[in-house]
Amino acid sequence: QVQLVESGGGSVQAGGSLRLSCVASGYMSSNKYMAWFRQAPGKEREGVASISTRDGTTRYAGSVKGRFTISQDNAKNTVYLQMNSLKPEDTAMYYCAARTTSWVHSLLSRDFAYWGQGTQVTVSS
């Protein structure tokens, strides 16, 4: 069993920055990818970014590419999401997730088995 705990959310003005953190604990030897998802009220959950635990390769949603950066520190069992140039449309609950099923990048919720409780990000115009 893997437990994921997010932190770092908050309220910022458009153009500002935040860094989200996700600390993993428990059995993690089979983790292949870590990812960030987000969900705004009344909308479907959206994949934001993923990172391979093996080689650090990344994949981003087109809406955040060039503004967000996902990274990891395996020694600290932590994955980060650096969020720059934030826009009001980035407002959402952000979730950390872990995938164990295969060595293929994915931004689909159904491919991730473990989830954190979420951290709220609010961007004002």
C-alpha atoms as a PDB file:
ATOM      1  CA  GLN A   1       0.000   0.000   0.000  1.00  0.00           C
ATOM      2  CA  VAL A   2       1.213   3.494  -0.916  1.00  0.00           C
ATOM      3  CA  GLN A   3       0.144   6.668   0.837  1.00  0.00           C
ATOM      4  CA  LEU A   4       0.495  10.052  -0.842  1.00  0.00           C
ATOM      5  CA  VAL A   5       0.218  13.405   0.923  1.00  0.00           C
ATOM      6  CA  GLU A   6       0.140  16.695  -0.992  1.00  0.00           C
ATOM      7  CA  SER A   7       1.009  20.147   0.297  1.00  0.00           C
ATOM      8  CA  GLY A   8       1.863  23.603  -0.997  1.00  0.00           C
ATOM      9  CA  GLY A   9      -1.484  24.795  -2.306  1.00  0.00           C
ATOM     10  CA  GLY A  10      -2.798  28.266  -1.673  1.00  0.00           C
ATOM     11  CA  SER A  11      -4.169  31.443  -3.212  1.00  0.00           C
ATOM     12  CA  VAL A  12      -2.146  33.584  -5.612  1.00  0.00           C
ATOM     13  CA  GLN A  13      -2.728  36.298  -8.171  1.00  0.00           C
ATOM     14  CA  ALA A  14      -2.498  35.606 -11.883  1.00  0.00           C
ATOM     15  CA  GLY A  15       1.128  35.453 -12.966  1.00  0.00           C
ATOM     16  CA  GLY A  16       2.294  34.169  -9.605  1.00  0.00           C
ATOM     17  CA  SER A  17       3.953  30.883  -8.682  1.00  0.00           C
ATOM     18  CA  LEU A  18       3.440  27.949  -6.342  1.00  0.00           C
ATOM     19  CA  ARG A  19       5.321  24.726  -5.709  1.00  0.00           C
ATOM     20  CA  LEU A  20       3.336  21.649  -4.758  1.00  0.00           C
ATOM     21  CA  SER A  21       4.911  18.709  -2.944  1.00  0.00           C
ATOM     22  CA  CYS A  22       3.814  15.087  -2.655  1.00  0.00           C
ATOM     23  CA  VAL A  23       5.426  12.806  -0.091  1.00  0.00           C
ATOM     24  CA  ALA A  24       5.022   9.057  -0.586  1.00  0.00           C
ATOM     25  CA  SER A  25       5.186   6.400   2.106  1.00  0.00           C
ATOM     26  CA  GLY A  26       4.563   2.683   2.367  1.00  0.00           C
ATOM     27  CA  TYR A  27       5.369   0.028  -0.228  1.00  0.00           C
ATOM     28  CA  MET A  28       6.731   1.846  -3.290  1.00  0.00           C
ATOM     29  CA  SER A  29       9.044  -0.604  -5.045  1.00  0.00           C
ATOM     30  CA  SER A  30       6.589  -1.113  -7.932  1.00  0.00           C
ATOM     31  CA  ASN A  31       5.899   2.575  -8.625  1.00  0.00           C
ATOM     32  CA  LYS A  32       6.642   3.377 -12.282  1.00  0.00           C
ATOM     33  CA  TYR A  33       5.229   6.868 -12.687  1.00  0.00           C
ATOM     34  CA  MET A  34       4.198   9.709 -10.434  1.00  0.00           C
ATOM     35  CA  ALA A  35       1.786  12.331 -11.689  1.00  0.00           C
ATOM     36  CA  TRP A  36      -0.241  15.401 -10.872  1.00  0.00           C
ATOM     37  CA  PHE A  37      -3.926  15.725 -11.721  1.00  0.00           C
ATOM     38  CA  ARG A  38      -6.378  18.519 -11.107  1.00  0.00           C
ATOM     39  CA  GLN A  39     -10.124  18.876 -10.876  1.00  0.00           C
ATOM     40  CA  ALA A  40     -12.170  22.066 -10.892  1.00  0.00           C
ATOM     41  CA  PRO A  41     -15.781  22.166  -9.643  1.00  0.00           C
ATOM     42  CA  GLY A  42     -18.146  20.678 -12.207  1.00  0.00           C
ATOM     43  CA  LYS A  43     -15.325  19.436 -14.434  1.00  0.00           C
ATOM     44  CA  GLU A  44     -13.639  16.097 -15.054  1.00  0.00           C
ATOM     45  CA  ARG A  45     -10.309  15.231 -13.505  1.00  0.00           C
ATOM     46  CA  GLU A  46      -7.472  16.299 -15.808  1.00  0.00           C
ATOM     47  CA  GLY A  47      -3.947  14.947 -16.060  1.00  0.00           C
ATOM     48  CA  VAL A  48      -1.360  17.715 -15.680  1.00  0.00           C
ATOM     49  CA  ALA A  49       2.080  16.095 -15.669  1.00  0.00           C
ATOM     50  CA  SER A  50       3.797  12.754 -15.109  1.00  0.00           C
ATOM     51  CA  ILE A  51       7.354  11.632 -14.437  1.00  0.00           C
ATOM     52  CA  SER A  52       9.086   8.273 -14.764  1.00  0.00           C
ATOM     53  CA  THR A  53      10.598   6.990 -11.540  1.00  0.00           C
ATOM     54  CA  ARG A  54      13.176   5.076 -13.610  1.00  0.00           C
ATOM     55  CA  ASP A  55      14.718   7.753 -15.818  1.00  0.00           C
ATOM     56  CA  GLY A  56      12.994  11.029 -14.946  1.00  0.00           C
ATOM     57  CA  THR A  57      11.368  11.550 -18.343  1.00  0.00           C
ATOM     58  CA  THR A  58       8.282  13.748 -18.236  1.00  0.00           C
ATOM     59  CA  ARG A  59       5.018  14.387 -20.033  1.00  0.00           C
ATOM     60  CA  TYR A  60       2.770  17.440 -19.768  1.00  0.00           C
ATOM     61  CA  ALA A  61      -0.706  18.491 -20.709  1.00  0.00           C
ATOM     62  CA  GLY A  62      -0.641  21.068 -23.487  1.00  0.00           C
ATOM     63  CA  SER A  63      -2.356  23.641 -21.284  1.00  0.00           C
ATOM     64  CA  VAL A  64       0.554  23.743 -18.807  1.00  0.00           C
ATOM     65  CA  LYS A  65       3.599  22.924 -20.939  1.00  0.00           C
ATOM     66  CA  GLY A  66       6.195  25.661 -20.608  1.00  0.00           C
ATOM     67  CA  ARG A  67       4.699  26.927 -17.347  1.00  0.00           C
ATOM     68  CA  PHE A  68       4.721  23.885 -15.040  1.00  0.00           C
ATOM     69  CA  THR A  69       7.630  21.580 -14.218  1.00  0.00           C
ATOM     70  CA  ILE A  70       7.360  18.179 -12.548  1.00  0.00           C
ATOM     71  CA  SER A  71      10.392  16.812 -10.715  1.00  0.00           C
ATOM     72  CA  GLN A  72      11.276  14.220  -8.110  1.00  0.00           C
ATOM     73  CA  ASP A  73      13.693  13.574  -5.280  1.00  0.00           C
ATOM     74  CA  ASN A  74      13.815   9.821  -4.792  1.00  0.00           C
ATOM     75  CA  ALA A  75      15.942  10.122  -1.656  1.00  0.00           C
ATOM     76  CA  LYS A  76      13.104  12.081  -0.042  1.00  0.00           C
ATOM     77  CA  ASN A  77      10.298  10.032  -1.652  1.00  0.00           C
ATOM     78  CA  THR A  78       8.896  13.293  -2.949  1.00  0.00           C
ATOM     79  CA  VAL A  79       7.550  14.593  -6.246  1.00  0.00           C
ATOM     80  CA  TYR A  80       7.104  18.303  -6.953  1.00  0.00           C
ATOM     81  CA  LEU A  81       5.095  20.479  -9.287  1.00  0.00           C
ATOM     82  CA  GLN A  82       6.551  23.924  -9.877  1.00  0.00           C
ATOM     83  CA  MET A  83       3.759  26.133 -11.194  1.00  0.00           C
ATOM     84  CA  ASN A  84       4.750  29.433 -12.823  1.00  0.00           C
ATOM     85  CA  SER A  85       2.777  32.066 -14.719  1.00  0.00           C
ATOM     86  CA  LEU A  86      -0.411  30.863 -13.081  1.00  0.00           C
ATOM     87  CA  LYS A  87      -3.737  31.653 -14.721  1.00  0.00           C
ATOM     88  CA  PRO A  88      -7.258  31.742 -13.260  1.00  0.00           C
ATOM     89  CA  GLU A  89      -8.084  28.620 -15.280  1.00  0.00           C
ATOM     90  CA  ASP A  90      -5.442  26.746 -13.266  1.00  0.00           C
ATOM     91  CA  THR A  91      -7.719  27.001 -10.225  1.00  0.00           C
ATOM     92  CA  ALA A  92      -8.516  23.463  -9.064  1.00  0.00           C
ATOM     93  CA  MET A  93      -7.917  20.805  -6.473  1.00  0.00           C
ATOM     94  CA  TYR A  94      -4.566  19.229  -7.320  1.00  0.00           C
ATOM     95  CA  TYR A  95      -3.952  15.536  -6.661  1.00  0.00           C
ATOM     96  CA  CYS A  96      -0.808  13.450  -6.582  1.00  0.00           C
ATOM     97  CA  ALA A  97      -1.040   9.934  -8.045  1.00  0.00           C
ATOM     98  CA  ALA A  98       1.133   6.836  -8.528  1.00  0.00           C
ATOM     99  CA  ARG A  99       1.082   4.277 -11.359  1.00  0.00           C
ATOM    100  CA  THR A 100       2.347   0.703 -11.133  1.00  0.00           C
ATOM    101  CA  THR A 101       0.834  -0.974 -14.213  1.00  0.00           C
ATOM    102  CA  SER A 102       3.287  -0.424 -17.078  1.00  0.00           C
ATOM    103  CA  TRP A 103       6.270   1.544 -18.366  1.00  0.00           C
ATOM    104  CA  VAL A 104       4.247   3.860 -20.575  1.00  0.00           C
ATOM    105  CA  HIS A 105       3.590   7.524 -19.808  1.00  0.00           C
ATOM    106  CA  SER A 106      -0.035   8.273 -19.083  1.00  0.00           C
ATOM    107  CA  LEU A 107      -2.166  11.232 -18.036  1.00  0.00           C
ATOM    108  CA  LEU A 108      -5.322   9.160 -17.650  1.00  0.00           C
ATOM    109  CA  SER A 109      -6.870   8.802 -14.196  1.00  0.00           C
ATOM    110  CA  ARG A 110      -7.739   5.150 -14.816  1.00  0.00           C
ATOM    111  CA  ASP A 111      -4.043   4.247 -15.124  1.00  0.00           C
ATOM    112  CA  PHE A 112      -3.209   5.405 -11.589  1.00  0.00           C
ATOM    113  CA  ALA A 113      -4.029   3.265  -8.578  1.00  0.00           C
ATOM    114  CA  TYR A 114      -2.911   5.433  -5.641  1.00  0.00           C
ATOM    115  CA  TRP A 115      -4.111   8.939  -4.860  1.00  0.00           C
ATOM    116  CA  GLY A 116      -3.526  11.660  -2.328  1.00  0.00           C
ATOM    117  CA  GLN A 117      -6.234  13.737  -0.678  1.00  0.00           C
ATOM    118  CA  GLY A 118      -5.534  16.849  -2.741  1.00  0.00           C
ATOM    119  CA  THR A 119      -4.392  20.415  -2.167  1.00  0.00           C
ATOM    120  CA  GLN A 120      -6.360  23.454  -3.315  1.00  0.00           C
ATOM    121  CA  VAL A 121      -4.877  25.994  -5.737  1.00  0.00           C
ATOM    122  CA  THR A 122      -6.771  29.227  -6.339  1.00  0.00           C
ATOM    123  CA  VAL A 123      -5.604  31.832  -8.863  1.00  0.00           C
ATOM    124  CA  SER A 124      -7.317  35.225  -8.924  1.00  0.00           C
ATOM    125  CA  SER A 125      -7.468  37.483 -11.967  1.00  0.00           C
END
